[in-house]
Amino acid sequence: MKSRVEEEINSINRELKRTQIIGVPGILLIGIAVHGIFAEPGKTLHPFLNDIGICYAMLAVGGAVAVWEVKKILRLTKRQSELNKMLGT
């Protein structure tokens, strides 16, 4: 039983790492969008960031990815905590 629980904990750890890697583009989109929204016109990192509509779209997509990431991480860490209690660690 202990080895099955340990295998599941290892699987959860791998899934957590995967989820964090998948979430990086969402956070980058949020950061770049905020830069585009608050930078002076003409002084953005890229010309397409001068279009406020594009910035808001990037903010929405990045926010959706970030929310998905948080929900998945919370679910995985809750399960990991339950398994650790079963092991007594």
Protein backbone atom coordinates (compact mmCIF):
# COMPACT_ATOMS: atom_id res chain seq x y z
CA MET A 1 0.00 0.00 0.00
CA LYS A 2 2.78 2.40 0.88
CA SER A 3 4.46 2.06 -2.50
CA ARG A 4 1.17 2.74 -4.34
CA VAL A 5 0.68 5.92 -2.33
CA GLU A 6 4.28 6.98 -2.94
CA GLU A 7 3.84 6.35 -6.67
CA GLU A 8 0.73 8.52 -6.68
CA ILE A 9 2.59 11.29 -4.82
CA ASN A 10 5.37 11.13 -7.41
CA SER A 11 2.77 11.27 -10.17
CA ILE A 12 1.19 14.34 -8.56
CA ASN A 13 4.62 16.01 -8.31
CA ARG A 14 5.20 15.42 -12.04
CA GLU A 15 1.76 16.79 -12.86
CA LEU A 16 2.41 19.87 -10.69
CA LYS A 17 5.63 20.58 -12.58
CA ARG A 18 3.85 20.11 -15.91
CA THR A 19 1.05 22.44 -14.85
CA GLN A 20 3.49 25.13 -13.75
CA ILE A 21 5.33 24.93 -17.07
CA ILE A 22 2.06 25.17 -19.00
CA GLY A 23 1.08 28.20 -16.89
CA VAL A 24 4.18 30.26 -17.76
CA PRO A 25 2.78 31.63 -21.07
CA GLY A 26 -0.33 32.84 -19.25
CA ILE A 27 1.69 34.84 -16.76
CA LEU A 28 3.85 36.24 -19.57
CA LEU A 29 0.72 37.28 -21.49
CA ILE A 30 -0.56 39.09 -18.41
CA GLY A 31 2.74 40.90 -17.91
CA ILE A 32 3.12 41.95 -21.53
CA ALA A 33 -0.52 43.05 -21.70
CA VAL A 34 -0.17 45.20 -18.58
CA HIS A 35 2.94 46.76 -20.11
CA GLY A 36 1.00 47.52 -23.29
CA ILE A 37 -1.89 49.03 -21.36
CA PHE A 38 0.18 51.33 -19.13
CA ALA A 39 3.16 52.19 -21.36
CA GLU A 40 3.26 55.49 -23.18
CA PRO A 41 1.92 55.21 -26.73
CA GLY A 42 4.78 54.47 -29.10
CA LYS A 43 7.10 53.25 -26.33
CA THR A 44 5.87 49.67 -26.00
CA LEU A 45 7.96 46.56 -26.52
CA HIS A 46 6.26 45.85 -29.85
CA PRO A 47 4.05 48.00 -32.11
CA PHE A 48 1.03 45.70 -31.78
CA LEU A 49 0.92 46.54 -28.07
CA ASN A 50 -0.19 50.06 -29.02
CA ASP A 51 -3.62 48.54 -29.82
CA ILE A 52 -5.50 48.49 -26.50
CA GLY A 53 -7.91 45.84 -27.79
CA ILE A 54 -5.07 43.40 -28.35
CA CYS A 55 -3.75 44.13 -24.87
CA TYR A 56 -7.13 43.43 -23.29
CA ALA A 57 -7.46 40.20 -25.28
CA MET A 58 -4.00 39.11 -24.10
CA LEU A 59 -4.98 39.99 -20.55
CA ALA A 60 -8.15 37.89 -20.82
CA VAL A 61 -6.38 34.85 -22.30
CA GLY A 62 -3.50 35.09 -19.82
CA GLY A 63 -5.95 35.46 -16.95
CA ALA A 64 -7.89 32.40 -18.09
CA VAL A 65 -4.70 30.33 -18.24
CA ALA A 66 -3.64 31.58 -14.80
CA VAL A 67 -7.04 30.76 -13.27
CA TRP A 68 -6.93 27.26 -14.80
CA GLU A 69 -3.40 26.79 -13.40
CA VAL A 70 -4.42 27.88 -9.88
CA LYS A 71 -7.46 25.60 -9.84
CA LYS A 72 -5.44 22.61 -11.00
CA ILE A 73 -2.59 23.26 -8.56
CA LEU A 74 -5.02 23.61 -5.65
CA ARG A 75 -6.71 20.32 -6.56
CA LEU A 76 -3.37 18.50 -6.89
CA THR A 77 -1.91 19.88 -3.66
CA LYS A 78 -5.06 18.96 -1.77
CA ARG A 79 -4.76 15.38 -3.01
CA GLN A 80 -1.04 15.37 -2.24
CA SER A 81 -1.76 16.54 1.32
CA GLU A 82 -4.30 13.75 1.80
CA LEU A 83 -1.78 11.16 0.60
CA ASN A 84 0.95 12.55 2.85
CA LYS A 85 -1.40 12.23 5.83
CA MET A 86 -1.99 8.61 4.87
CA LEU A 87 1.77 8.04 4.92
CA GLY A 88 2.14 9.91 8.18
CA THR A 89 4.56 12.52 6.82
